[in-house]
Amino acid sequence: FGLRNTKDYEAALREALRVTREGGRMVIVEFSTPPFPLFRKLYMNYLMKSLPKIARKTSSNPVAYEYLAESIRAWPNQDELARKMSANGWKDPEWTNLTGGVVAVHTGIKRSSFRPL
């Protein structure tokens, strides 16, 4: 749950590639976008409306929950992140959805030779 919080996640993908040995595997666990329309709508409604209200009443740092909701909303969906992984040198990016796609586990393998564009 850290890549989403980097200033430039594509640069972070490239840096991770640089320090990973050939054939090594990258695993990213991050919030994502539920693929089923009804569940996605319910989840986004909860995330953007209910969670901040609950946080204002129960948290000593409700702004953190507003940031959390916004950063999840702005984060690329599973397919988009897999494409970015591939564009930044990771071979065979795949993902597995957890909790209906609220979280996704992405994996990729370092190619034997990759020169960024």
PDB file of N, CA and C in Angstrom:
ATOM      1  N   PHE A   1       0.831  -1.199   0.000  1.00  0.00           N
ATOM      2  CA  PHE A   1       0.000   0.000   0.000  1.00  0.00           C
ATOM      3  C   PHE A   1       0.866   1.251   0.000  1.00  0.00           C
ATOM      4  N   GLY A   2       1.952   1.242  -0.752  1.00  0.00           N
ATOM      5  CA  GLY A   2       2.843   2.386  -0.741  1.00  0.00           C
ATOM      6  C   GLY A   2       3.019   3.062  -2.082  1.00  0.00           C
ATOM      7  N   LEU A   3       2.911   2.316  -3.166  1.00  0.00           N
ATOM      8  CA  LEU A   3       3.185   2.890  -4.483  1.00  0.00           C
ATOM      9  C   LEU A   3       2.252   4.059  -4.784  1.00  0.00           C
ATOM     10  N   ARG A   4       1.011   3.954  -4.368  1.00  0.00           N
ATOM     11  CA  ARG A   4       0.009   5.002  -4.602  1.00  0.00           C
ATOM     12  C   ARG A   4       0.430   6.318  -3.958  1.00  0.00           C
ATOM     13  N   ASN A   5       1.244   6.248  -2.916  1.00  0.00           N
ATOM     14  CA  ASN A   5       1.637   7.449  -2.181  1.00  0.00           C
ATOM     15  C   ASN A   5       2.941   8.072  -2.663  1.00  0.00           C
ATOM     16  N   THR A   6       3.552   7.517  -3.699  1.00  0.00           N
ATOM     17  CA  THR A   6       4.774   8.122  -4.227  1.00  0.00           C
ATOM     18  C   THR A   6       4.421   9.311  -5.109  1.00  0.00           C
ATOM     19  N   LYS A   7       5.361  10.228  -5.229  1.00  0.00           N
ATOM     20  CA  LYS A   7       5.130  11.427  -6.035  1.00  0.00           C
ATOM     21  C   LYS A   7       4.976  11.068  -7.516  1.00  0.00           C
ATOM     22  N   ASP A   8       5.789  10.125  -7.986  1.00  0.00           N
ATOM     23  CA  ASP A   8       5.772   9.704  -9.384  1.00  0.00           C
ATOM     24  C   ASP A   8       5.871   8.180  -9.411  1.00  0.00           C
ATOM     25  N   TYR A   9       4.725   7.515  -9.474  1.00  0.00           N
ATOM     26  CA  TYR A   9       4.752   6.053  -9.351  1.00  0.00           C
ATOM     27  C   TYR A   9       5.437   5.376 -10.530  1.00  0.00           C
ATOM     28  N   GLU A  10       5.433   6.007 -11.712  1.00  0.00           N
ATOM     29  CA  GLU A  10       6.157   5.407 -12.837  1.00  0.00           C
ATOM     30  C   GLU A  10       7.660   5.457 -12.594  1.00  0.00           C
ATOM     31  N   ALA A  11       8.148   6.542 -12.021  1.00  0.00           N
ATOM     32  CA  ALA A  11       9.572   6.614 -11.657  1.00  0.00           C
ATOM     33  C   ALA A  11       9.892   5.563 -10.597  1.00  0.00           C
ATOM     34  N   ALA A  12       8.972   5.344  -9.670  1.00  0.00           N
ATOM     35  CA  ALA A  12       9.178   4.317  -8.638  1.00  0.00           C
ATOM     36  C   ALA A  12       9.216   2.922  -9.265  1.00  0.00           C
ATOM     37  N   LEU A  13       8.380   2.676 -10.266  1.00  0.00           N
ATOM     38  CA  LEU A  13       8.424   1.389 -10.967  1.00  0.00           C
ATOM     39  C   LEU A  13       9.769   1.188 -11.655  1.00  0.00           C
ATOM     40  N   ARG A  14      10.290   2.255 -12.273  1.00  0.00           N
ATOM     41  CA  ARG A  14      11.594   2.158 -12.943  1.00  0.00           C
ATOM     42  C   ARG A  14      12.719   1.945 -11.939  1.00  0.00           C
ATOM     43  N   GLU A  15      12.661   2.628 -10.805  1.00  0.00           N
ATOM     44  CA  GLU A  15      13.699   2.466  -9.785  1.00  0.00           C
ATOM     45  C   GLU A  15      13.659   1.057  -9.197  1.00  0.00           C
ATOM     46  N   ALA A  16      12.470   0.541  -8.961  1.00  0.00           N
ATOM     47  CA  ALA A  16      12.356  -0.838  -8.467  1.00  0.00           C
ATOM     48  C   ALA A  16      12.940  -1.812  -9.489  1.00  0.00           C
ATOM     49  N   LEU A  17      12.694  -1.542 -10.766  1.00  0.00           N
ATOM     50  CA  LEU A  17      13.249  -2.384 -11.823  1.00  0.00           C
ATOM     51  C   LEU A  17      14.776  -2.324 -11.803  1.00  0.00           C
ATOM     52  N   ARG A  18      15.314  -1.138 -11.615  1.00  0.00           N
ATOM     53  CA  ARG A  18      16.769  -0.953 -11.613  1.00  0.00           C
ATOM     54  C   ARG A  18      17.439  -1.791 -10.527  1.00  0.00           C
ATOM     55  N   VAL A  19      16.828  -1.895  -9.365  1.00  0.00           N
ATOM     56  CA  VAL A  19      17.464  -2.583  -8.239  1.00  0.00           C
ATOM     57  C   VAL A  19      17.034  -4.048  -8.099  1.00  0.00           C
ATOM     58  N   THR A  20      16.212  -4.514  -9.018  1.00  0.00           N
ATOM     59  CA  THR A  20      15.772  -5.916  -8.994  1.00  0.00           C
ATOM     60  C   THR A  20      16.663  -6.728  -9.921  1.00  0.00           C
ATOM     61  N   ARG A  21      17.081  -7.893  -9.461  1.00  0.00           N
ATOM     62  CA  ARG A  21      17.931  -8.730 -10.316  1.00  0.00           C
ATOM     63  C   ARG A  21      17.111  -9.300 -11.469  1.00  0.00           C
ATOM     64  N   GLU A  22      17.805  -9.656 -12.534  1.00  0.00           N
ATOM     65  CA  GLU A  22      17.179 -10.231 -13.717  1.00  0.00           C
ATOM     66  C   GLU A  22      16.349 -11.454 -13.331  1.00  0.00           C
ATOM     67  N   GLY A  23      15.119 -11.485 -13.783  1.00  0.00           N
ATOM     68  CA  GLY A  23      14.217 -12.582 -13.452  1.00  0.00           C
ATOM     69  C   GLY A  23      13.505 -12.402 -12.116  1.00  0.00           C
ATOM     70  N   GLY A  24      13.862 -11.328 -11.377  1.00  0.00           N
ATOM     71  CA  GLY A  24      13.220 -11.053 -10.094  1.00  0.00           C
ATOM     72  C   GLY A  24      11.773 -10.623 -10.271  1.00  0.00           C
ATOM     73  N   ARG A  25      11.016 -10.720  -9.210  1.00  0.00           N
ATOM     74  CA  ARG A  25       9.579 -10.449  -9.257  1.00  0.00           C
ATOM     75  C   ARG A  25       9.221  -9.224  -8.418  1.00  0.00           C
ATOM     76  N   MET A  26       8.358  -8.403  -8.971  1.00  0.00           N
ATOM     77  CA  MET A  26       7.790  -7.250  -8.266  1.00  0.00           C
ATOM     78  C   MET A  26       6.384  -7.639  -7.837  1.00  0.00           C
ATOM     79  N   VAL A  27       6.029  -7.327  -6.597  1.00  0.00           N
ATOM     80  CA  VAL A  27       4.675  -7.561  -6.098  1.00  0.00           C
ATOM     81  C   VAL A  27       4.159  -6.241  -5.541  1.00  0.00           C
ATOM     82  N   ILE A  28       3.027  -5.805  -6.032  1.00  0.00           N
ATOM     83  CA  ILE A  28       2.404  -4.557  -5.595  1.00  0.00           C
ATOM     84  C   ILE A  28       1.036  -4.906  -5.017  1.00  0.00           C
ATOM     85  N   VAL A  29       0.814  -4.537  -3.774  1.00  0.00           N
ATOM     86  CA  VAL A  29      -0.503  -4.688  -3.147  1.00  0.00           C
ATOM     87  C   VAL A  29      -1.035  -3.273  -2.954  1.00  0.00           C
ATOM     88  N   GLU A  30      -2.150  -2.973  -3.580  1.00  0.00           N
ATOM     89  CA  GLU A  30      -2.640  -1.598  -3.552  1.00  0.00           C
ATOM     90  C   GLU A  30      -4.157  -1.584  -3.681  1.00  0.00           C
ATOM     91  N   PHE A  31      -4.775  -0.530  -3.152  1.00  0.00           N
ATOM     92  CA  PHE A  31      -6.205  -0.326  -3.376  1.00  0.00           C
ATOM     93  C   PHE A  31      -6.442  -0.224  -4.871  1.00  0.00           C
ATOM     94  N   SER A  32      -7.629  -0.597  -5.322  1.00  0.00           N
ATOM     95  CA  SER A  32      -7.903  -0.606  -6.746  1.00  0.00           C
ATOM     96  C   SER A  32      -9.374  -0.303  -7.012  1.00  0.00           C
ATOM     97  N   THR A  33      -9.824  -0.627  -8.220  1.00  0.00           N
ATOM     98  CA  THR A  33     -11.180  -0.320  -8.658  1.00  0.00           C
ATOM     99  C   THR A  33     -11.982  -1.606  -8.827  1.00  0.00           C
ATOM    100  N   PRO A  34     -13.039  -1.783  -8.058  1.00  0.00           N
ATOM    101  CA  PRO A  34     -13.870  -2.977  -8.247  1.00  0.00           C
ATOM    102  C   PRO A  34     -14.400  -3.039  -9.684  1.00  0.00           C
ATOM    103  N   PRO A  35     -14.262  -4.188 -10.358  1.00  0.00           N
ATOM    104  CA  PRO A  35     -14.668  -4.276 -11.763  1.00  0.00           C
ATOM    105  C   PRO A  35     -16.177  -4.388 -11.985  1.00  0.00           C
ATOM    106  N   PHE A  36     -16.930  -4.814 -10.990  1.00  0.00           N
ATOM    107  CA  PHE A  36     -18.368  -4.988 -11.159  1.00  0.00           C
ATOM    108  C   PHE A  36     -19.078  -3.660 -10.907  1.00  0.00           C
ATOM    109  N   PRO A  37     -19.822  -3.144 -11.901  1.00  0.00           N
ATOM    110  CA  PRO A  37     -20.382  -1.796 -11.830  1.00  0.00           C
ATOM    111  C   PRO A  37     -21.182  -1.479 -10.562  1.00  0.00           C
ATOM    112  N   LEU A  38     -22.075  -2.353 -10.142  1.00  0.00           N
ATOM    113  CA  LEU A  38     -22.890  -2.057  -8.965  1.00  0.00           C
ATOM    114  C   LEU A  38     -22.027  -1.992  -7.704  1.00  0.00           C
ATOM    115  N   PHE A  39     -21.138  -2.960  -7.543  1.00  0.00           N
ATOM    116  CA  PHE A  39     -20.256  -2.957  -6.375  1.00  0.00           C
ATOM    117  C   PHE A  39     -19.328  -1.747  -6.409  1.00  0.00           C
ATOM    118  N   ARG A  40     -18.813  -1.407  -7.610  1.00  0.00           N
ATOM    119  CA  ARG A  40     -17.935  -0.243  -7.752  1.00  0.00           C
ATOM    120  C   ARG A  40     -18.668   1.023  -7.316  1.00  0.00           C
ATOM    121  N   LYS A  41     -19.921   1.173  -7.746  1.00  0.00           N
ATOM    122  CA  LYS A  41     -20.703   2.361  -7.384  1.00  0.00           C
ATOM    123  C   LYS A  41     -20.922   2.432  -5.872  1.00  0.00           C
ATOM    124  N   LEU A  42     -21.298   1.317  -5.259  1.00  0.00           N
ATOM    125  CA  LEU A  42     -21.499   1.286  -3.802  1.00  0.00           C
ATOM    126  C   LEU A  42     -20.203   1.592  -3.055  1.00  0.00           C
ATOM    127  N   TYR A  43     -19.111   0.975  -3.494  1.00  0.00           N
ATOM    128  CA  TYR A  43     -17.819   1.175  -2.840  1.00  0.00           C
ATOM    129  C   TYR A  43     -17.361   2.629  -2.965  1.00  0.00           C
ATOM    130  N   MET A  44     -17.451   3.191  -4.156  1.00  0.00           N
ATOM    131  CA  MET A  44     -17.011   4.579  -4.351  1.00  0.00           C
ATOM    132  C   MET A  44     -17.879   5.545  -3.550  1.00  0.00           C
ATOM    133  N   ASN A  45     -19.155   5.264  -3.451  1.00  0.00           N
ATOM    134  CA  ASN A  45     -20.037   6.091  -2.633  1.00  0.00           C
ATOM    135  C   ASN A  45     -19.599   6.036  -1.167  1.00  0.00           C
ATOM    136  N   TYR A  46     -19.335   4.835  -0.680  1.00  0.00           N
ATOM    137  CA  TYR A  46     -18.840   4.675   0.695  1.00  0.00           C
ATOM    138  C   TYR A  46     -17.514   5.415   0.874  1.00  0.00           C
ATOM    139  N   LEU A  47     -16.600   5.207  -0.062  1.00  0.00           N
ATOM    140  CA  LEU A  47     -15.258   5.777   0.040  1.00  0.00           C
ATOM    141  C   LEU A  47     -15.285   7.305   0.045  1.00  0.00           C
ATOM    142  N   MET A  48     -16.067   7.895  -0.845  1.00  0.00           N
ATOM    143  CA  MET A  48     -16.042   9.345  -1.018  1.00  0.00           C
ATOM    144  C   MET A  48     -17.001  10.082  -0.083  1.00  0.00           C
ATOM    145  N   LYS A  49     -18.050   9.424   0.382  1.00  0.00           N
ATOM    146  CA  LYS A  49     -19.039  10.118   1.214  1.00  0.00           C
ATOM    147  C   LYS A  49     -19.075   9.613   2.649  1.00  0.00           C
ATOM    148  N   SER A  50     -19.230   8.321   2.820  1.00  0.00           N
ATOM    149  CA  SER A  50     -19.395   7.777   4.178  1.00  0.00           C
ATOM    150  C   SER A  50     -18.101   7.771   4.979  1.00  0.00           C
ATOM    151  N   LEU A  51     -17.016   7.298   4.377  1.00  0.00           N
ATOM    152  CA  LEU A  51     -15.754   7.202   5.109  1.00  0.00           C
ATOM    153  C   LEU A  51     -15.301   8.549   5.669  1.00  0.00           C
ATOM    154  N   PRO A  52     -15.303   9.629   4.884  1.00  0.00           N
ATOM    155  CA  PRO A  52     -14.906  10.921   5.464  1.00  0.00           C
ATOM    156  C   PRO A  52     -15.812  11.372   6.616  1.00  0.00           C
ATOM    157  N   LYS A  53     -17.115  11.119   6.505  1.00  0.00           N
ATOM    158  CA  LYS A  53     -18.033  11.496   7.595  1.00  0.00           C
ATOM    159  C   LYS A  53     -17.728  10.703   8.860  1.00  0.00           C
ATOM    160  N   ILE A  54     -17.510   9.414   8.707  1.00  0.00           N
ATOM    161  CA  ILE A  54     -17.163   8.576   9.859  1.00  0.00           C
ATOM    162  C   ILE A  54     -15.848   9.048  10.470  1.00  0.00           C
ATOM    163  N   ALA A  55     -14.875   9.345   9.628  1.00  0.00           N
ATOM    164  CA  ALA A  55     -13.558   9.782  10.113  1.00  0.00           C
ATOM    165  C   ALA A  55     -13.647  11.100  10.875  1.00  0.00           C
ATOM    166  N   ARG A  56     -14.487  12.023  10.411  1.00  0.00           N
ATOM    167  CA  ARG A  56     -14.629  13.306  11.118  1.00  0.00           C
ATOM    168  C   ARG A  56     -15.153  13.111  12.535  1.00  0.00           C
ATOM    169  N   LYS A  57     -15.943  12.058  12.739  1.00  0.00           N
ATOM    170  CA  LYS A  57     -16.519  11.809  14.063  1.00  0.00           C
ATOM    171  C   LYS A  57     -15.644  10.923  14.945  1.00  0.00           C
ATOM    172  N   THR A  58     -14.776  10.131  14.339  1.00  0.00           N
ATOM    173  CA  THR A  58     -14.057   9.127  15.133  1.00  0.00           C
ATOM    174  C   THR A  58     -12.538   9.236  15.110  1.00  0.00           C
ATOM    175  N   SER A  59     -11.980   9.968  14.165  1.00  0.00           N
ATOM    176  CA  SER A  59     -10.526   9.992  14.019  1.00  0.00           C
ATOM    177  C   SER A  59      -9.925  11.290  14.534  1.00  0.00           C
ATOM    178  N   SER A  60      -8.718  11.191  15.067  1.00  0.00           N
ATOM    179  CA  SER A  60      -7.988  12.399  15.461  1.00  0.00           C
ATOM    180  C   SER A  60      -7.354  13.061  14.236  1.00  0.00           C
ATOM    181  N   ASN A  61      -7.375  12.379  13.088  1.00  0.00           N
ATOM    182  CA  ASN A  61      -6.806  12.923  11.858  1.00  0.00           C
ATOM    183  C   ASN A  61      -7.739  12.627  10.676  1.00  0.00           C
ATOM    184  N   PRO A  62      -8.899  13.271  10.629  1.00  0.00           N
ATOM    185  CA  PRO A  62      -9.861  12.973   9.561  1.00  0.00           C
ATOM    186  C   PRO A  62      -9.369  13.357   8.168  1.00  0.00           C
ATOM    187  N   VAL A  63      -8.452  14.315   8.081  1.00  0.00           N
ATOM    188  CA  VAL A  63      -7.914  14.720   6.780  1.00  0.00           C
ATOM    189  C   VAL A  63      -7.197  13.550   6.110  1.00  0.00           C
ATOM    190  N   ALA A  64      -6.583  12.686   6.902  1.00  0.00           N
ATOM    191  CA  ALA A  64      -5.899  11.517   6.342  1.00  0.00           C
ATOM    192  C   ALA A  64      -6.878  10.618   5.594  1.00  0.00           C
ATOM    193  N   TYR A  65      -8.099  10.522   6.079  1.00  0.00           N
ATOM    194  CA  TYR A  65      -9.097   9.679   5.422  1.00  0.00           C
ATOM    195  C   TYR A  65      -9.635  10.335   4.158  1.00  0.00           C
ATOM    196  N   GLU A  66      -9.680  11.657   4.146  1.00  0.00           N
ATOM    197  CA  GLU A  66     -10.055  12.358   2.918  1.00  0.00           C
ATOM    198  C   GLU A  66      -8.989  12.131   1.854  1.00  0.00           C
ATOM    199  N   TYR A  67      -7.711  12.226   2.269  1.00  0.00           N
ATOM    200  CA  TYR A  67      -6.610  11.944   1.348  1.00  0.00           C
ATOM    201  C   TYR A  67      -6.695  10.501   0.850  1.00  0.00           C
ATOM    202  N   LEU A  68      -6.931   9.568   1.754  1.00  0.00           N
ATOM    203  CA  LEU A  68      -7.036   8.159   1.379  1.00  0.00           C
ATOM    204  C   LEU A  68      -8.098   7.977   0.297  1.00  0.00           C
ATOM    205  N   ALA A  69      -9.276   8.530   0.517  1.00  0.00           N
ATOM    206  CA  ALA A  69     -10.371   8.392  -0.451  1.00  0.00           C
ATOM    207  C   ALA A  69      -9.994   8.994  -1.801  1.00  0.00           C
ATOM    208  N   GLU A  70      -9.442  10.195  -1.793  1.00  0.00           N
ATOM    209  CA  GLU A  70      -9.068  10.860  -3.047  1.00  0.00           C
ATOM    210  C   GLU A  70      -7.961  10.108  -3.774  1.00  0.00           C
ATOM    211  N   SER A  71      -6.967   9.631  -3.030  1.00  0.00           N
ATOM    212  CA  SER A  71      -5.849   8.940  -3.676  1.00  0.00           C
ATOM    213  C   SER A  71      -6.298   7.607  -4.271  1.00  0.00           C
ATOM    214  N   ILE A  72      -7.227   6.934  -3.640  1.00  0.00           N
ATOM    215  CA  ILE A  72      -7.758   5.685  -4.200  1.00  0.00           C
ATOM    216  C   ILE A  72      -8.571   5.982  -5.456  1.00  0.00           C
ATOM    217  N   ARG A  73      -9.395   7.019  -5.398  1.00  0.00           N
ATOM    218  CA  ARG A  73     -10.225   7.392  -6.558  1.00  0.00           C
ATOM    219  C   ARG A  73      -9.355   7.738  -7.765  1.00  0.00           C
ATOM    220  N   ALA A  74      -8.231   8.421  -7.523  1.00  0.00           N
ATOM    221  CA  ALA A  74      -7.364   8.872  -8.610  1.00  0.00           C
ATOM    222  C   ALA A  74      -6.403   7.785  -9.117  1.00  0.00           C
ATOM    223  N   TRP A  75      -6.259   6.706  -8.374  1.00  0.00           N
ATOM    224  CA  TRP A  75      -5.307   5.646  -8.719  1.00  0.00           C
ATOM    225  C   TRP A  75      -5.776   4.886  -9.961  1.00  0.00           C
ATOM    226  N   PRO A  76      -4.859   4.463 -10.846  1.00  0.00           N
ATOM    227  CA  PRO A  76      -5.279   3.724 -12.041  1.00  0.00           C
ATOM    228  C   PRO A  76      -5.923   2.380 -11.697  1.00  0.00           C
ATOM    229  N   ASN A  77      -6.827   1.953 -12.563  1.00  0.00           N
ATOM    230  CA  ASN A  77      -7.452   0.645 -12.338  1.00  0.00           C
ATOM    231  C   ASN A  77      -6.447  -0.470 -12.637  1.00  0.00           C
ATOM    232  N   GLN A  78      -6.865  -1.696 -12.461  1.00  0.00           N
ATOM    233  CA  GLN A  78      -5.976  -2.843 -12.570  1.00  0.00           C
ATOM    234  C   GLN A  78      -5.303  -2.927 -13.936  1.00  0.00           C
ATOM    235  N   ASP A  79      -6.077  -2.793 -14.995  1.00  0.00           N
ATOM    236  CA  ASP A  79      -5.529  -2.893 -16.345  1.00  0.00           C
ATOM    237  C   ASP A  79      -4.563  -1.747 -16.632  1.00  0.00           C
ATOM    238  N   GLU A  80      -4.921  -0.541 -16.219  1.00  0.00           N
ATOM    239  CA  GLU A  80      -4.049   0.616 -16.444  1.00  0.00           C
ATOM    240  C   GLU A  80      -2.718   0.450 -15.716  1.00  0.00           C
ATOM    241  N   LEU A  81      -2.752  -0.025 -14.474  1.00  0.00           N
ATOM    242  CA  LEU A  81      -1.502  -0.225 -13.733  1.00  0.00           C
ATOM    243  C   LEU A  81      -0.658  -1.306 -14.398  1.00  0.00           C
ATOM    244  N   ALA A  82      -1.276  -2.376 -14.865  1.00  0.00           N
ATOM    245  CA  ALA A  82      -0.530  -3.432 -15.564  1.00  0.00           C
ATOM    246  C   ALA A  82       0.140  -2.877 -16.823  1.00  0.00           C
ATOM    247  N   ARG A  83      -0.558  -2.016 -17.558  1.00  0.00           N
ATOM    248  CA  ARG A  83       0.043  -1.392 -18.754  1.00  0.00           C
ATOM    249  C   ARG A  83       1.222  -0.502 -18.376  1.00  0.00           C
ATOM    250  N   LYS A  84       1.087   0.250 -17.284  1.00  0.00           N
ATOM    251  CA  LYS A  84       2.194   1.109 -16.832  1.00  0.00           C
ATOM    252  C   LYS A  84       3.388   0.262 -16.395  1.00  0.00           C
ATOM    253  N   MET A  85       3.116  -0.863 -15.739  1.00  0.00           N
ATOM    254  CA  MET A  85       4.208  -1.761 -15.347  1.00  0.00           C
ATOM    255  C   MET A  85       4.955  -2.237 -16.585  1.00  0.00           C
ATOM    256  N   SER A  86       4.222  -2.665 -17.599  1.00  0.00           N
ATOM    257  CA  SER A  86       4.833  -3.149 -18.835  1.00  0.00           C
ATOM    258  C   SER A  86       5.622  -2.041 -19.526  1.00  0.00           C
ATOM    259  N   ALA A  87       5.047  -0.853 -19.608  1.00  0.00           N
ATOM    260  CA  ALA A  87       5.717   0.275 -20.253  1.00  0.00           C
ATOM    261  C   ALA A  87       6.992   0.679 -19.528  1.00  0.00           C
ATOM    262  N   ASN A  88       7.081   0.353 -18.251  1.00  0.00           N
ATOM    263  CA  ASN A  88       8.257   0.713 -17.462  1.00  0.00           C
ATOM    264  C   ASN A  88       9.172  -0.481 -17.195  1.00  0.00           C
ATOM    265  N   GLY A  89       9.047  -1.521 -18.037  1.00  0.00           N
ATOM    266  CA  GLY A  89      10.031  -2.586 -18.038  1.00  0.00           C
ATOM    267  C   GLY A  89       9.646  -3.903 -17.419  1.00  0.00           C
ATOM    268  N   TRP A  90       8.503  -3.989 -16.764  1.00  0.00           N
ATOM    269  CA  TRP A  90       8.103  -5.233 -16.098  1.00  0.00           C
ATOM    270  C   TRP A  90       7.426  -6.163 -17.091  1.00  0.00           C
ATOM    271  N   LYS A  91       7.888  -7.407 -17.134  1.00  0.00           N
ATOM    272  CA  LYS A  91       7.384  -8.422 -18.061  1.00  0.00           C
ATOM    273  C   LYS A  91       6.190  -9.154 -17.447  1.00  0.00           C
ATOM    274  N   ASP A  92       5.253  -9.508 -18.295  1.00  0.00           N
ATOM    275  CA  ASP A  92       4.099 -10.331 -17.910  1.00  0.00           C
ATOM    276  C   ASP A  92       3.343  -9.817 -16.685  1.00  0.00           C
ATOM    277  N   PRO A  93       2.978  -8.533 -16.667  1.00  0.00           N
ATOM    278  CA  PRO A  93       2.226  -8.057 -15.500  1.00  0.00           C
ATOM    279  C   PRO A  93       0.865  -8.748 -15.408  1.00  0.00           C
ATOM    280  N   GLU A  94       0.526  -9.154 -14.206  1.00  0.00           N
ATOM    281  CA  GLU A  94      -0.755  -9.804 -13.929  1.00  0.00           C
ATOM    282  C   GLU A  94      -1.303  -9.239 -12.635  1.00  0.00           C
ATOM    283  N   TRP A  95      -2.590  -9.472 -12.385  1.00  0.00           N
ATOM    284  CA  TRP A  95      -3.149  -9.065 -11.105  1.00  0.00           C
ATOM    285  C   TRP A  95      -4.199 -10.054 -10.651  1.00  0.00           C
ATOM    286  N   THR A  96      -4.391 -10.064  -9.347  1.00  0.00           N
ATOM    287  CA  THR A  96      -5.443 -10.836  -8.701  1.00  0.00           C
ATOM    288  C   THR A  96      -6.234  -9.875  -7.839  1.00  0.00           C
ATOM    289  N   ASN A  97      -7.539  -9.849  -8.024  1.00  0.00           N
ATOM    290  CA  ASN A  97      -8.392  -8.990  -7.208  1.00  0.00           C
ATOM    291  C   ASN A  97      -8.683  -9.651  -5.865  1.00  0.00           C
ATOM    292  N   LEU A  98      -8.675  -8.849  -4.829  1.00  0.00           N
ATOM    293  CA  LEU A  98      -9.082  -9.277  -3.496  1.00  0.00           C
ATOM    294  C   LEU A  98     -10.273  -8.424  -3.079  1.00  0.00           C
ATOM    295  N   THR A  99     -11.150  -8.963  -2.283  1.00  0.00           N
ATOM    296  CA  THR A  99     -12.332  -8.253  -1.787  1.00  0.00           C
ATOM    297  C   THR A  99     -13.081  -7.578  -2.936  1.00  0.00           C
ATOM    298  N   GLY A 100     -13.346  -8.339  -3.982  1.00  0.00           N
ATOM    299  CA  GLY A 100     -14.126  -7.821  -5.099  1.00  0.00           C
ATOM    300  C   GLY A 100     -13.434  -6.751  -5.909  1.00  0.00           C
ATOM    301  N   GLY A 101     -12.122  -6.621  -5.781  1.00  0.00           N
ATOM    302  CA  GLY A 101     -11.375  -5.615  -6.527  1.00  0.00           C
ATOM    303  C   GLY A 101     -11.081  -4.360  -5.730  1.00  0.00           C
ATOM    304  N   VAL A 102     -11.477  -4.305  -4.464  1.00  0.00           N
ATOM    305  CA  VAL A 102     -11.127  -3.165  -3.609  1.00  0.00           C
ATOM    306  C   VAL A 102      -9.608  -3.095  -3.471  1.00  0.00           C
ATOM    307  N   VAL A 103      -8.979  -4.258  -3.451  1.00  0.00           N
ATOM    308  CA  VAL A 103      -7.519  -4.374  -3.415  1.00  0.00           C
ATOM    309  C   VAL A 103      -7.115  -5.281  -4.566  1.00  0.00           C
ATOM    310  N   ALA A 104      -5.973  -4.984  -5.187  1.00  0.00           N
ATOM    311  CA  ALA A 104      -5.429  -5.857  -6.228  1.00  0.00           C
ATOM    312  C   ALA A 104      -3.959  -6.123  -5.924  1.00  0.00           C
ATOM    313  N   VAL A 105      -3.540  -7.351  -6.206  1.00  0.00           N
ATOM    314  CA  VAL A 105      -2.136  -7.740  -6.084  1.00  0.00           C
ATOM    315  C   VAL A 105      -1.600  -7.873  -7.505  1.00  0.00           C
ATOM    316  N   HIS A 106      -0.692  -6.970  -7.878  1.00  0.00           N
ATOM    317  CA  HIS A 106      -0.059  -7.001  -9.196  1.00  0.00           C
ATOM    318  C   HIS A 106       1.318  -7.646  -9.075  1.00  0.00           C
ATOM    319  N   THR A 107       1.692  -8.402 -10.090  1.00  0.00           N
ATOM    320  CA  THR A 107       3.034  -8.968 -10.144  1.00  0.00           C
ATOM    321  C   THR A 107       3.620  -8.733 -11.524  1.00  0.00           C
ATOM    322  N   GLY A 108       4.936  -8.656 -11.577  1.00  0.00           N
ATOM    323  CA  GLY A 108       5.664  -8.544 -12.830  1.00  0.00           C
ATOM    324  C   GLY A 108       7.066  -9.085 -12.631  1.00  0.00           C
ATOM    325  N   ILE A 109       7.715  -9.435 -13.728  1.00  0.00           N
ATOM    326  CA  ILE A 109       9.058 -10.013 -13.694  1.00  0.00           C
ATOM    327  C   ILE A 109      10.003  -9.075 -14.431  1.00  0.00           C
ATOM    328  N   LYS A 110      11.225  -8.933 -13.899  1.00  0.00           N
ATOM    329  CA  LYS A 110      12.207  -8.093 -14.576  1.00  0.00           C
ATOM    330  C   LYS A 110      12.665  -8.788 -15.848  1.00  0.00           C
ATOM    331  N   ARG A 111      12.558  -8.073 -16.939  1.00  0.00           N
ATOM    332  CA  ARG A 111      13.015  -8.591 -18.231  1.00  0.00           C
ATOM    333  C   ARG A 111      14.531  -8.735 -18.215  1.00  0.00           C
ATOM    334  N   SER A 112      15.042  -9.579 -19.118  1.00  0.00           N
ATOM    335  CA  SER A 112      16.489  -9.778 -19.173  1.00  0.00           C
ATOM    336  C   SER A 112      17.207  -8.528 -19.653  1.00  0.00           C
ATOM    337  N   SER A 113      16.599  -7.782 -20.540  1.00  0.00           N
ATOM    338  CA  SER A 113      17.187  -6.504 -20.951  1.00  0.00           C
ATOM    339  C   SER A 113      16.042  -5.565 -21.295  1.00  0.00           C
ATOM    340  N   PHE A 114      16.099  -4.379 -20.721  1.00  0.00           N
ATOM    341  CA  PHE A 114      15.054  -3.391 -20.976  1.00  0.00           C
ATOM    342  C   PHE A 114      15.693  -2.022 -21.009  1.00  0.00           C
ATOM    343  N   ARG A 115      15.382  -1.272 -22.024  1.00  0.00           N
ATOM    344  CA  ARG A 115      15.837   0.111 -22.139  1.00  0.00           C
ATOM    345  C   ARG A 115      14.602   0.994 -22.163  1.00  0.00           C
ATOM    346  N   PRO A 116      14.399   1.833 -21.112  1.00  0.00           N
ATOM    347  CA  PRO A 116      13.211   2.695 -21.103  1.00  0.00           C
ATOM    348  C   PRO A 116      13.201   3.643 -22.288  1.00  0.00           C
ATOM    349  N   LEU A 117      12.001   3.992 -22.709  1.00  0.00           N
ATOM    350  CA  LEU A 117      11.841   4.923 -23.840  1.00  0.00           C
ATOM    351  C   LEU A 117      12.306   6.305 -23.485  1.00  0.00           C
TER     352      LEU A 117
END
